[in-house]
Amino acid sequence: MASRFELRTFRQVLPFFVAALRVRGQVRRADGAIGVALVAHPLRREFYTLSAWRDRAAIDAMITIEPHRSVMTGFRDHTADASFTFWTIPSFERPTWTDAHRRLEVARGRGSR
């Protein structure tokens, strides 16, 4: 799965980054997580995640517990845009940022399908 978040103001960039690092740590320990990466573009107020999971049920279980649940609700009003994309690949492949960005653009209605 991949995600993109754009914050409304610069004031929220540092708090969001700190919260995103907490969630990244949660993902790294989550049952079913294979790997996770976070990229921040603070001057654009943008954050990207790319993660690999055993299955969708593992993702669904992780997002309902802390700290993810509080981060998700706490920053909802501070988010100008959020995009998510999910896809399946064979276990011998690894997701790439190139593929993730392409899929996120499609999810945002800005890319070719």
PDB file of N, CA and C in Angstrom:
ATOM      1  N   MET A   1       0.845  -1.182   0.000  1.00  0.00           N
ATOM      2  CA  MET A   1       0.000   0.000   0.000  1.00  0.00           C
ATOM      3  C   MET A   1       0.878   1.227   0.000  1.00  0.00           C
ATOM      4  N   ALA A   2       0.338   2.305  -0.526  1.00  0.00           N
ATOM      5  CA  ALA A   2       1.040   3.582  -0.512  1.00  0.00           C
ATOM      6  C   ALA A   2       0.050   4.665  -0.110  1.00  0.00           C
ATOM      7  N   SER A   3       0.575   5.714   0.506  1.00  0.00           N
ATOM      8  CA  SER A   3      -0.266   6.842   0.883  1.00  0.00           C
ATOM      9  C   SER A   3       0.474   8.144   0.661  1.00  0.00           C
ATOM     10  N   ARG A   4      -0.318   9.195   0.471  1.00  0.00           N
ATOM     11  CA  ARG A   4       0.210  10.548   0.326  1.00  0.00           C
ATOM     12  C   ARG A   4      -0.658  11.467   1.166  1.00  0.00           C
ATOM     13  N   PHE A   5      -0.013  12.319   1.951  1.00  0.00           N
ATOM     14  CA  PHE A   5      -0.711  13.291   2.775  1.00  0.00           C
ATOM     15  C   PHE A   5      -0.164  14.673   2.471  1.00  0.00           C
ATOM     16  N   GLU A   6      -1.057  15.619   2.309  1.00  0.00           N
ATOM     17  CA  GLU A   6      -0.662  17.022   2.164  1.00  0.00           C
ATOM     18  C   GLU A   6      -1.341  17.799   3.276  1.00  0.00           C
ATOM     19  N   LEU A   7      -0.541  18.492   4.055  1.00  0.00           N
ATOM     20  CA  LEU A   7      -1.085  19.249   5.191  1.00  0.00           C
ATOM     21  C   LEU A   7      -1.531  20.633   4.747  1.00  0.00           C
ATOM     22  N   ARG A   8      -2.474  21.202   5.479  1.00  0.00           N
ATOM     23  CA  ARG A   8      -3.011  22.524   5.144  1.00  0.00           C
ATOM     24  C   ARG A   8      -2.018  23.651   5.436  1.00  0.00           C
ATOM     25  N   THR A   9      -1.262  23.522   6.542  1.00  0.00           N
ATOM     26  CA  THR A   9      -0.359  24.600   6.959  1.00  0.00           C
ATOM     27  C   THR A   9       1.011  24.046   7.339  1.00  0.00           C
ATOM     28  N   PHE A  10       1.993  24.925   7.280  1.00  0.00           N
ATOM     29  CA  PHE A  10       3.341  24.550   7.707  1.00  0.00           C
ATOM     30  C   PHE A  10       3.398  24.293   9.207  1.00  0.00           C
ATOM     31  N   ARG A  11       2.498  24.900   9.951  1.00  0.00           N
ATOM     32  CA  ARG A  11       2.485  24.749  11.402  1.00  0.00           C
ATOM     33  C   ARG A  11       2.332  23.285  11.830  1.00  0.00           C
ATOM     34  N   GLN A  12       1.694  22.481  11.009  1.00  0.00           N
ATOM     35  CA  GLN A  12       1.449  21.083  11.339  1.00  0.00           C
ATOM     36  C   GLN A  12       2.530  20.120  10.838  1.00  0.00           C
ATOM     37  N   VAL A  13       3.487  20.622  10.073  1.00  0.00           N
ATOM     38  CA  VAL A  13       4.497  19.741   9.472  1.00  0.00           C
ATOM     39  C   VAL A  13       5.306  18.990  10.536  1.00  0.00           C
ATOM     40  N   LEU A  14       5.874  19.696  11.487  1.00  0.00           N
ATOM     41  CA  LEU A  14       6.691  19.029  12.497  1.00  0.00           C
ATOM     42  C   LEU A  14       5.860  18.071  13.368  1.00  0.00           C
ATOM     43  N   PRO A  15       4.703  18.501  13.880  1.00  0.00           N
ATOM     44  CA  PRO A  15       3.906  17.545  14.660  1.00  0.00           C
ATOM     45  C   PRO A  15       3.491  16.314  13.840  1.00  0.00           C
ATOM     46  N   PHE A  16       3.171  16.513  12.570  1.00  0.00           N
ATOM     47  CA  PHE A  16       2.784  15.372  11.735  1.00  0.00           C
ATOM     48  C   PHE A  16       3.971  14.444  11.517  1.00  0.00           C
ATOM     49  N   PHE A  17       5.136  15.016  11.280  1.00  0.00           N
ATOM     50  CA  PHE A  17       6.335  14.205  11.074  1.00  0.00           C
ATOM     51  C   PHE A  17       6.632  13.348  12.309  1.00  0.00           C
ATOM     52  N   VAL A  18       6.565  13.939  13.475  1.00  0.00           N
ATOM     53  CA  VAL A  18       6.791  13.196  14.718  1.00  0.00           C
ATOM     54  C   VAL A  18       5.758  12.075  14.856  1.00  0.00           C
ATOM     55  N   ALA A  19       4.496  12.395  14.582  1.00  0.00           N
ATOM     56  CA  ALA A  19       3.438  11.386  14.660  1.00  0.00           C
ATOM     57  C   ALA A  19       3.659  10.288  13.618  1.00  0.00           C
ATOM     58  N   ALA A  20       4.085  10.675  12.413  1.00  0.00           N
ATOM     59  CA  ALA A  20       4.333   9.689  11.356  1.00  0.00           C
ATOM     60  C   ALA A  20       5.460   8.736  11.750  1.00  0.00           C
ATOM     61  N   LEU A  21       6.471   9.233  12.436  1.00  0.00           N
ATOM     62  CA  LEU A  21       7.549   8.356  12.901  1.00  0.00           C
ATOM     63  C   LEU A  21       7.033   7.367  13.950  1.00  0.00           C
ATOM     64  N   ARG A  22       6.119   7.819  14.792  1.00  0.00           N
ATOM     65  CA  ARG A  22       5.515   6.906  15.778  1.00  0.00           C
ATOM     66  C   ARG A  22       4.723   5.805  15.071  1.00  0.00           C
ATOM     67  N   VAL A  23       3.959   6.184  14.065  1.00  0.00           N
ATOM     68  CA  VAL A  23       3.176   5.195  13.320  1.00  0.00           C
ATOM     69  C   VAL A  23       4.105   4.264  12.555  1.00  0.00           C
ATOM     70  N   ARG A  24       5.177   4.799  12.002  1.00  0.00           N
ATOM     71  CA  ARG A  24       6.158   3.955  11.301  1.00  0.00           C
ATOM     72  C   ARG A  24       6.705   2.887  12.243  1.00  0.00           C
ATOM     73  N   GLY A  25       7.009   3.267  13.484  1.00  0.00           N
ATOM     74  CA  GLY A  25       7.461   2.300  14.475  1.00  0.00           C
ATOM     75  C   GLY A  25       6.398   1.261  14.780  1.00  0.00           C
ATOM     76  N   GLN A  26       5.149   1.704  14.853  1.00  0.00           N
ATOM     77  CA  GLN A  26       4.047   0.772  15.066  1.00  0.00           C
ATOM     78  C   GLN A  26       3.966  -0.234  13.922  1.00  0.00           C
ATOM     79  N   VAL A  27       4.065   0.253  12.705  1.00  0.00           N
ATOM     80  CA  VAL A  27       3.982  -0.636  11.536  1.00  0.00           C
ATOM     81  C   VAL A  27       5.122  -1.647  11.562  1.00  0.00           C
ATOM     82  N   ARG A  28       6.304  -1.195  11.889  1.00  0.00           N
ATOM     83  CA  ARG A  28       7.456  -2.109  11.909  1.00  0.00           C
ATOM     84  C   ARG A  28       7.257  -3.266  12.879  1.00  0.00           C
ATOM     85  N   ARG A  29       6.469  -3.048  13.941  1.00  0.00           N
ATOM     86  CA  ARG A  29       6.212  -4.091  14.937  1.00  0.00           C
ATOM     87  C   ARG A  29       4.906  -4.853  14.683  1.00  0.00           C
ATOM     88  N   ALA A  30       4.115  -4.402  13.719  1.00  0.00           N
ATOM     89  CA  ALA A  30       2.779  -4.971  13.506  1.00  0.00           C
ATOM     90  C   ALA A  30       2.846  -6.376  12.913  1.00  0.00           C
ATOM     91  N   ASP A  31       1.952  -7.205  13.387  1.00  0.00           N
ATOM     92  CA  ASP A  31       1.814  -8.545  12.836  1.00  0.00           C
ATOM     93  C   ASP A  31       1.378  -8.432  11.376  1.00  0.00           C
ATOM     94  N   GLY A  32       2.095  -9.075  10.489  1.00  0.00           N
ATOM     95  CA  GLY A  32       1.757  -9.055   9.073  1.00  0.00           C
ATOM     96  C   GLY A  32       2.477  -8.004   8.264  1.00  0.00           C
ATOM     97  N   ALA A  33       3.196  -7.088   8.926  1.00  0.00           N
ATOM     98  CA  ALA A  33       3.951  -6.069   8.189  1.00  0.00           C
ATOM     99  C   ALA A  33       5.257  -6.666   7.687  1.00  0.00           C
ATOM    100  N   ILE A  34       5.563  -6.402   6.440  1.00  0.00           N
ATOM    101  CA  ILE A  34       6.810  -6.886   5.844  1.00  0.00           C
ATOM    102  C   ILE A  34       7.849  -5.776   5.819  1.00  0.00           C
ATOM    103  N   GLY A  35       7.411  -4.556   5.552  1.00  0.00           N
ATOM    104  CA  GLY A  35       8.332  -3.427   5.531  1.00  0.00           C
ATOM    105  C   GLY A  35       7.578  -2.127   5.381  1.00  0.00           C
ATOM    106  N   VAL A  36       8.238  -1.023   5.743  1.00  0.00           N
ATOM    107  CA  VAL A  36       7.608   0.294   5.660  1.00  0.00           C
ATOM    108  C   VAL A  36       8.671   1.350   5.413  1.00  0.00           C
ATOM    109  N   ALA A  37       8.299   2.365   4.630  1.00  0.00           N
ATOM    110  CA  ALA A  37       9.189   3.500   4.373  1.00  0.00           C
ATOM    111  C   ALA A  37       8.356   4.775   4.435  1.00  0.00           C
ATOM    112  N   LEU A  38       8.995   5.842   4.865  1.00  0.00           N
ATOM    113  CA  LEU A  38       8.359   7.154   4.978  1.00  0.00           C
ATOM    114  C   LEU A  38       9.249   8.167   4.286  1.00  0.00           C
ATOM    115  N   VAL A  39       8.647   9.005   3.452  1.00  0.00           N
ATOM    116  CA  VAL A  39       9.369  10.096   2.801  1.00  0.00           C
ATOM    117  C   VAL A  39       8.630  11.385   3.118  1.00  0.00           C
ATOM    118  N   ALA A  40       9.369  12.382   3.583  1.00  0.00           N
ATOM    119  CA  ALA A  40       8.786  13.674   3.923  1.00  0.00           C
ATOM    120  C   ALA A  40       9.350  14.755   3.013  1.00  0.00           C
ATOM    121  N   HIS A  41       8.467  15.605   2.538  1.00  0.00           N
ATOM    122  CA  HIS A  41       8.833  16.805   1.778  1.00  0.00           C
ATOM    123  C   HIS A  41       8.249  17.990   2.541  1.00  0.00           C
ATOM    124  N   PRO A  42       8.921  18.406   3.616  1.00  0.00           N
ATOM    125  CA  PRO A  42       8.337  19.408   4.515  1.00  0.00           C
ATOM    126  C   PRO A  42       8.033  20.749   3.844  1.00  0.00           C
ATOM    127  N   LEU A  43       8.837  21.173   2.897  1.00  0.00           N
ATOM    128  CA  LEU A  43       8.579  22.460   2.254  1.00  0.00           C
ATOM    129  C   LEU A  43       7.359  22.419   1.335  1.00  0.00           C
ATOM    130  N   ARG A  44       6.949  21.215   0.968  1.00  0.00           N
ATOM    131  CA  ARG A  44       5.721  21.039   0.180  1.00  0.00           C
ATOM    132  C   ARG A  44       4.555  20.588   1.063  1.00  0.00           C
ATOM    133  N   ARG A  45       4.833  20.382   2.360  1.00  0.00           N
ATOM    134  CA  ARG A  45       3.839  19.888   3.320  1.00  0.00           C
ATOM    135  C   ARG A  45       3.322  18.510   2.910  1.00  0.00           C
ATOM    136  N   GLU A  46       4.181  17.694   2.299  1.00  0.00           N
ATOM    137  CA  GLU A  46       3.809  16.374   1.785  1.00  0.00           C
ATOM    138  C   GLU A  46       4.535  15.258   2.512  1.00  0.00           C
ATOM    139  N   PHE A  47       3.830  14.171   2.701  1.00  0.00           N
ATOM    140  CA  PHE A  47       4.387  12.959   3.296  1.00  0.00           C
ATOM    141  C   PHE A  47       3.890  11.765   2.493  1.00  0.00           C
ATOM    142  N   TYR A  48       4.791  10.818   2.258  1.00  0.00           N
ATOM    143  CA  TYR A  48       4.456   9.591   1.538  1.00  0.00           C
ATOM    144  C   TYR A  48       4.843   8.386   2.384  1.00  0.00           C
ATOM    145  N   THR A  49       4.023   7.348   2.298  1.00  0.00           N
ATOM    146  CA  THR A  49       4.393   6.075   2.907  1.00  0.00           C
ATOM    147  C   THR A  49       4.293   4.982   1.850  1.00  0.00           C
ATOM    148  N   LEU A  50       5.113   3.985   2.024  1.00  0.00           N
ATOM    149  CA  LEU A  50       5.066   2.785   1.193  1.00  0.00           C
ATOM    150  C   LEU A  50       5.283   1.616   2.136  1.00  0.00           C
ATOM    151  N   SER A  51       4.356   0.684   2.126  1.00  0.00           N
ATOM    152  CA  SER A  51       4.488  -0.458   3.020  1.00  0.00           C
ATOM    153  C   SER A  51       4.051  -1.736   2.325  1.00  0.00           C
ATOM    154  N   ALA A  52       4.615  -2.828   2.791  1.00  0.00           N
ATOM    155  CA  ALA A  52       4.267  -4.154   2.269  1.00  0.00           C
ATOM    156  C   ALA A  52       3.701  -4.969   3.423  1.00  0.00           C
ATOM    157  N   TRP A  53       2.637  -5.704   3.138  1.00  0.00           N
ATOM    158  CA  TRP A  53       1.891  -6.439   4.154  1.00  0.00           C
ATOM    159  C   TRP A  53       1.600  -7.846   3.676  1.00  0.00           C
ATOM    160  N   ARG A  54       1.402  -8.725   4.624  1.00  0.00           N
ATOM    161  CA  ARG A  54       1.023 -10.101   4.314  1.00  0.00           C
ATOM    162  C   ARG A  54      -0.333 -10.133   3.614  1.00  0.00           C
ATOM    163  N   ASP A  55      -1.265  -9.319   4.119  1.00  0.00           N
ATOM    164  CA  ASP A  55      -2.598  -9.269   3.527  1.00  0.00           C
ATOM    165  C   ASP A  55      -3.325  -8.013   4.008  1.00  0.00           C
ATOM    166  N   ARG A  56      -4.465  -7.758   3.420  1.00  0.00           N
ATOM    167  CA  ARG A  56      -5.242  -6.566   3.765  1.00  0.00           C
ATOM    168  C   ARG A  56      -5.750  -6.620   5.208  1.00  0.00           C
ATOM    169  N   ALA A  57      -6.039  -7.810   5.705  1.00  0.00           N
ATOM    170  CA  ALA A  57      -6.514  -7.946   7.088  1.00  0.00           C
ATOM    171  C   ALA A  57      -5.475  -7.420   8.078  1.00  0.00           C
ATOM    172  N   ALA A  58      -4.200  -7.598   7.790  1.00  0.00           N
ATOM    173  CA  ALA A  58      -3.141  -7.095   8.678  1.00  0.00           C
ATOM    174  C   ALA A  58      -3.136  -5.566   8.712  1.00  0.00           C
ATOM    175  N   ILE A  59      -3.355  -4.948   7.564  1.00  0.00           N
ATOM    176  CA  ILE A  59      -3.445  -3.482   7.516  1.00  0.00           C
ATOM    177  C   ILE A  59      -4.648  -3.020   8.319  1.00  0.00           C
ATOM    178  N   ASP A  60      -5.783  -3.636   8.048  1.00  0.00           N
ATOM    179  CA  ASP A  60      -7.021  -3.239   8.729  1.00  0.00           C
ATOM    180  C   ASP A  60      -6.898  -3.364  10.247  1.00  0.00           C
ATOM    181  N   ALA A  61      -6.198  -4.386  10.716  1.00  0.00           N
ATOM    182  CA  ALA A  61      -6.012  -4.564  12.153  1.00  0.00           C
ATOM    183  C   ALA A  61      -5.117  -3.466  12.728  1.00  0.00           C
ATOM    184  N   MET A  62      -4.056  -3.102  12.018  1.00  0.00           N
ATOM    185  CA  MET A  62      -3.103  -2.112  12.517  1.00  0.00           C
ATOM    186  C   MET A  62      -3.722  -0.723  12.626  1.00  0.00           C
ATOM    187  N   ILE A  63      -4.551  -0.337  11.680  1.00  0.00           N
ATOM    188  CA  ILE A  63      -5.058   1.043  11.676  1.00  0.00           C
ATOM    189  C   ILE A  63      -6.060   1.325  12.789  1.00  0.00           C
ATOM    190  N   THR A  64      -6.552   0.294  13.432  1.00  0.00           N
ATOM    191  CA  THR A  64      -7.557   0.503  14.487  1.00  0.00           C
ATOM    192  C   THR A  64      -6.959   0.656  15.880  1.00  0.00           C
ATOM    193  N   ILE A  65      -5.635   0.501  16.003  1.00  0.00           N
ATOM    194  CA  ILE A  65      -5.019   0.581  17.325  1.00  0.00           C
ATOM    195  C   ILE A  65      -4.084   1.794  17.406  1.00  0.00           C
ATOM    196  N   GLU A  66      -3.667   2.089  18.628  1.00  0.00           N
ATOM    197  CA  GLU A  66      -2.787   3.241  18.875  1.00  0.00           C
ATOM    198  C   GLU A  66      -1.358   2.920  18.467  1.00  0.00           C
ATOM    199  N   PRO A  67      -0.618   3.914  17.976  1.00  0.00           N
ATOM    200  CA  PRO A  67      -0.979   5.329  17.881  1.00  0.00           C
ATOM    201  C   PRO A  67      -1.702   5.704  16.587  1.00  0.00           C
ATOM    202  N   HIS A  68      -1.817   4.778  15.634  1.00  0.00           N
ATOM    203  CA  HIS A  68      -2.399   5.122  14.339  1.00  0.00           C
ATOM    204  C   HIS A  68      -3.789   5.736  14.477  1.00  0.00           C
ATOM    205  N   ARG A  69      -4.626   5.157  15.294  1.00  0.00           N
ATOM    206  CA  ARG A  69      -6.006   5.646  15.421  1.00  0.00           C
ATOM    207  C   ARG A  69      -6.037   7.111  15.839  1.00  0.00           C
ATOM    208  N   SER A  70      -5.259   7.494  16.849  1.00  0.00           N
ATOM    209  CA  SER A  70      -5.241   8.888  17.314  1.00  0.00           C
ATOM    210  C   SER A  70      -4.618   9.823  16.297  1.00  0.00           C
ATOM    211  N   VAL A  71      -3.578   9.372  15.628  1.00  0.00           N
ATOM    212  CA  VAL A  71      -2.936  10.202  14.601  1.00  0.00           C
ATOM    213  C   VAL A  71      -3.928  10.468  13.475  1.00  0.00           C
ATOM    214  N   MET A  72      -4.622   9.440  13.046  1.00  0.00           N
ATOM    215  CA  MET A  72      -5.577   9.567  11.946  1.00  0.00           C
ATOM    216  C   MET A  72      -6.679  10.574  12.302  1.00  0.00           C
ATOM    217  N   THR A  73      -7.228  10.469  13.483  1.00  0.00           N
ATOM    218  CA  THR A  73      -8.303  11.385  13.856  1.00  0.00           C
ATOM    219  C   THR A  73      -7.768  12.770  14.222  1.00  0.00           C
ATOM    220  N   GLY A  74      -6.596  12.825  14.845  1.00  0.00           N
ATOM    221  CA  GLY A  74      -6.033  14.107  15.277  1.00  0.00           C
ATOM    222  C   GLY A  74      -5.600  15.012  14.144  1.00  0.00           C
ATOM    223  N   PHE A  75      -5.212  14.444  13.016  1.00  0.00           N
ATOM    224  CA  PHE A  75      -4.741  15.262  11.900  1.00  0.00           C
ATOM    225  C   PHE A  75      -5.757  15.382  10.775  1.00  0.00           C
ATOM    226  N   ARG A  76      -6.930  14.797  10.944  1.00  0.00           N
ATOM    227  CA  ARG A  76      -7.944  14.836   9.879  1.00  0.00           C
ATOM    228  C   ARG A  76      -8.250  16.262   9.443  1.00  0.00           C
ATOM    229  N   ASP A  77      -8.445  17.168  10.372  1.00  0.00           N
ATOM    230  CA  ASP A  77      -8.787  18.556  10.026  1.00  0.00           C
ATOM    231  C   ASP A  77      -7.597  19.349   9.506  1.00  0.00           C
ATOM    232  N   HIS A  78      -6.399  18.833   9.664  1.00  0.00           N
ATOM    233  CA  HIS A  78      -5.190  19.535   9.216  1.00  0.00           C
ATOM    234  C   HIS A  78      -4.692  19.017   7.865  1.00  0.00           C
ATOM    235  N   THR A  79      -5.415  18.068   7.303  1.00  0.00           N
ATOM    236  CA  THR A  79      -4.995  17.452   6.046  1.00  0.00           C
ATOM    237  C   THR A  79      -5.751  18.074   4.881  1.00  0.00           C
ATOM    238  N   ALA A  80      -5.003  18.628   3.924  1.00  0.00           N
ATOM    239  CA  ALA A  80      -5.607  19.225   2.736  1.00  0.00           C
ATOM    240  C   ALA A  80      -5.973  18.154   1.713  1.00  0.00           C
ATOM    241  N   ASP A  81      -5.179  17.093   1.665  1.00  0.00           N
ATOM    242  CA  ASP A  81      -5.415  16.035   0.694  1.00  0.00           C
ATOM    243  C   ASP A  81      -4.780  14.750   1.220  1.00  0.00           C
ATOM    244  N   ALA A  82      -5.448  13.646   0.986  1.00  0.00           N
ATOM    245  CA  ALA A  82      -4.901  12.335   1.354  1.00  0.00           C
ATOM    246  C   ALA A  82      -5.307  11.343   0.273  1.00  0.00           C
ATOM    247  N   SER A  83      -4.344  10.521  -0.140  1.00  0.00           N
ATOM    248  CA  SER A  83      -4.596   9.495  -1.152  1.00  0.00           C
ATOM    249  C   SER A  83      -4.019   8.183  -0.661  1.00  0.00           C
ATOM    250  N   PHE A  84      -4.706   7.109  -1.004  1.00  0.00           N
ATOM    251  CA  PHE A  84      -4.280   5.769  -0.616  1.00  0.00           C
ATOM    252  C   PHE A  84      -4.448   4.846  -1.815  1.00  0.00           C
ATOM    253  N   THR A  85      -3.550   3.900  -1.931  1.00  0.00           N
ATOM    254  CA  THR A  85      -3.694   2.895  -2.972  1.00  0.00           C
ATOM    255  C   THR A  85      -3.194   1.557  -2.441  1.00  0.00           C
ATOM    256  N   PHE A  86      -3.874   0.515  -2.844  1.00  0.00           N
ATOM    257  CA  PHE A  86      -3.562  -0.842  -2.407  1.00  0.00           C
ATOM    258  C   PHE A  86      -3.439  -1.719  -3.649  1.00  0.00           C
ATOM    259  N   TRP A  87      -2.463  -2.601  -3.652  1.00  0.00           N
ATOM    260  CA  TRP A  87      -2.324  -3.538  -4.756  1.00  0.00           C
ATOM    261  C   TRP A  87      -1.625  -4.789  -4.276  1.00  0.00           C
ATOM    262  N   THR A  88      -1.721  -5.816  -5.071  1.00  0.00           N
ATOM    263  CA  THR A  88      -1.128  -7.098  -4.721  1.00  0.00           C
ATOM    264  C   THR A  88      -0.014  -7.416  -5.705  1.00  0.00           C
ATOM    265  N   ILE A  89       1.099  -7.906  -5.164  1.00  0.00           N
ATOM    266  CA  ILE A  89       2.212  -8.350  -6.001  1.00  0.00           C
ATOM    267  C   ILE A  89       2.674  -9.715  -5.495  1.00  0.00           C
ATOM    268  N   PRO A  90       3.364 -10.458  -6.340  1.00  0.00           N
ATOM    269  CA  PRO A  90       3.878 -11.759  -5.888  1.00  0.00           C
ATOM    270  C   PRO A  90       4.865 -11.576  -4.727  1.00  0.00           C
ATOM    271  N   SER A  91       4.953 -12.562  -3.871  1.00  0.00           N
ATOM    272  CA  SER A  91       5.789 -12.459  -2.674  1.00  0.00           C
ATOM    273  C   SER A  91       7.270 -12.281  -2.991  1.00  0.00           C
ATOM    274  N   PHE A  92       7.725 -12.656  -4.168  1.00  0.00           N
ATOM    275  CA  PHE A  92       9.141 -12.504  -4.521  1.00  0.00           C
ATOM    276  C   PHE A  92       9.454 -11.097  -5.033  1.00  0.00           C
ATOM    277  N   GLU A  93       8.437 -10.278  -5.281  1.00  0.00           N
ATOM    278  CA  GLU A  93       8.647  -8.894  -5.722  1.00  0.00           C
ATOM    279  C   GLU A  93       8.588  -7.949  -4.532  1.00  0.00           C
ATOM    280  N   ARG A  94       9.138  -6.770  -4.718  1.00  0.00           N
ATOM    281  CA  ARG A  94       9.068  -5.725  -3.709  1.00  0.00           C
ATOM    282  C   ARG A  94       8.423  -4.493  -4.338  1.00  0.00           C
ATOM    283  N   PRO A  95       7.581  -3.811  -3.593  1.00  0.00           N
ATOM    284  CA  PRO A  95       6.981  -2.589  -4.142  1.00  0.00           C
ATOM    285  C   PRO A  95       8.057  -1.528  -4.343  1.00  0.00           C
ATOM    286  N   THR A  96       7.875  -0.697  -5.358  1.00  0.00           N
ATOM    287  CA  THR A  96       8.837   0.371  -5.638  1.00  0.00           C
ATOM    288  C   THR A  96       8.164   1.731  -5.489  1.00  0.00           C
ATOM    289  N   TRP A  97       8.988   2.734  -5.202  1.00  0.00           N
ATOM    290  CA  TRP A  97       8.454   4.091  -5.109  1.00  0.00           C
ATOM    291  C   TRP A  97       7.912   4.547  -6.455  1.00  0.00           C
ATOM    292  N   THR A  98       8.547   4.159  -7.544  1.00  0.00           N
ATOM    293  CA  THR A  98       8.067   4.546  -8.870  1.00  0.00           C
ATOM    294  C   THR A  98       6.644   4.046  -9.078  1.00  0.00           C
ATOM    295  N   ASP A  99       6.415   2.787  -8.782  1.00  0.00           N
ATOM    296  CA  ASP A  99       5.086   2.209  -8.920  1.00  0.00           C
ATOM    297  C   ASP A  99       4.110   2.870  -7.946  1.00  0.00           C
ATOM    298  N   ALA A 100       4.545   3.097  -6.721  1.00  0.00           N
ATOM    299  CA  ALA A 100       3.676   3.724  -5.717  1.00  0.00           C
ATOM    300  C   ALA A 100       3.235   5.117  -6.160  1.00  0.00           C
ATOM    301  N   HIS A 101       4.172   5.933  -6.642  1.00  0.00           N
ATOM    302  CA  HIS A 101       3.823   7.290  -7.084  1.00  0.00           C
ATOM    303  C   HIS A 101       2.855   7.250  -8.265  1.00  0.00           C
ATOM    304  N   ARG A 102       3.077   6.340  -9.185  1.00  0.00           N
ATOM    305  CA  ARG A 102       2.181   6.207 -10.331  1.00  0.00           C
ATOM    306  C   ARG A 102       0.777   5.838  -9.861  1.00  0.00           C
ATOM    307  N   ARG A 103       0.692   4.880  -8.977  1.00  0.00           N
ATOM    308  CA  ARG A 103      -0.607   4.437  -8.463  1.00  0.00           C
ATOM    309  C   ARG A 103      -1.294   5.537  -7.647  1.00  0.00           C
ATOM    310  N   LEU A 104      -0.536   6.301  -6.891  1.00  0.00           N
ATOM    311  CA  LEU A 104      -1.129   7.404  -6.133  1.00  0.00           C
ATOM    312  C   LEU A 104      -1.662   8.489  -7.062  1.00  0.00           C
ATOM    313  N   GLU A 105      -0.973   8.761  -8.146  1.00  0.00           N
ATOM    314  CA  GLU A 105      -1.465   9.741  -9.117  1.00  0.00           C
ATOM    315  C   GLU A 105      -2.771   9.274  -9.739  1.00  0.00           C
ATOM    316  N   VAL A 106      -2.870   7.986 -10.048  1.00  0.00           N
ATOM    317  CA  VAL A 106      -4.123   7.438 -10.561  1.00  0.00           C
ATOM    318  C   VAL A 106      -5.219   7.567  -9.504  1.00  0.00           C
ATOM    319  N   ALA A 107      -4.899   7.264  -8.258  1.00  0.00           N
ATOM    320  CA  ALA A 107      -5.880   7.363  -7.176  1.00  0.00           C
ATOM    321  C   ALA A 107      -6.376   8.797  -6.999  1.00  0.00           C
ATOM    322  N   ARG A 108      -5.506   9.741  -7.265  1.00  0.00           N
ATOM    323  CA  ARG A 108      -5.869  11.165  -7.152  1.00  0.00           C
ATOM    324  C   ARG A 108      -6.549  11.685  -8.422  1.00  0.00           C
ATOM    325  N   GLY A 109      -6.667  10.815  -9.445  1.00  0.00           N
ATOM    326  CA  GLY A 109      -7.301  11.227 -10.695  1.00  0.00           C
ATOM    327  C   GLY A 109      -6.400  12.035 -11.596  1.00  0.00           C
ATOM    328  N   ARG A 110      -5.087  11.888 -11.405  1.00  0.00           N
ATOM    329  CA  ARG A 110      -4.131  12.693 -12.173  1.00  0.00           C
ATOM    330  C   ARG A 110      -3.239  11.861 -13.082  1.00  0.00           C
ATOM    331  N   GLY A 111      -3.422  10.578 -13.076  1.00  0.00           N
ATOM    332  CA  GLY A 111      -2.555   9.721 -13.890  1.00  0.00           C
ATOM    333  C   GLY A 111      -3.358   8.870 -14.843  1.00  0.00           C
ATOM    334  N   SER A 112      -2.660   8.236 -15.755  1.00  0.00           N
ATOM    335  CA  SER A 112      -3.332   7.345 -16.684  1.00  0.00           C
ATOM    336  C   SER A 112      -3.529   5.990 -16.031  1.00  0.00           C
ATOM    337  N   ARG A 113      -4.587   5.356 -16.349  1.00  0.00           N
ATOM    338  CA  ARG A 113      -4.923   4.054 -15.757  1.00  0.00           C
ATOM    339  C   ARG A 113      -4.323   2.942 -16.521  1.00  0.00           C
TER     340      ARG A 113
END
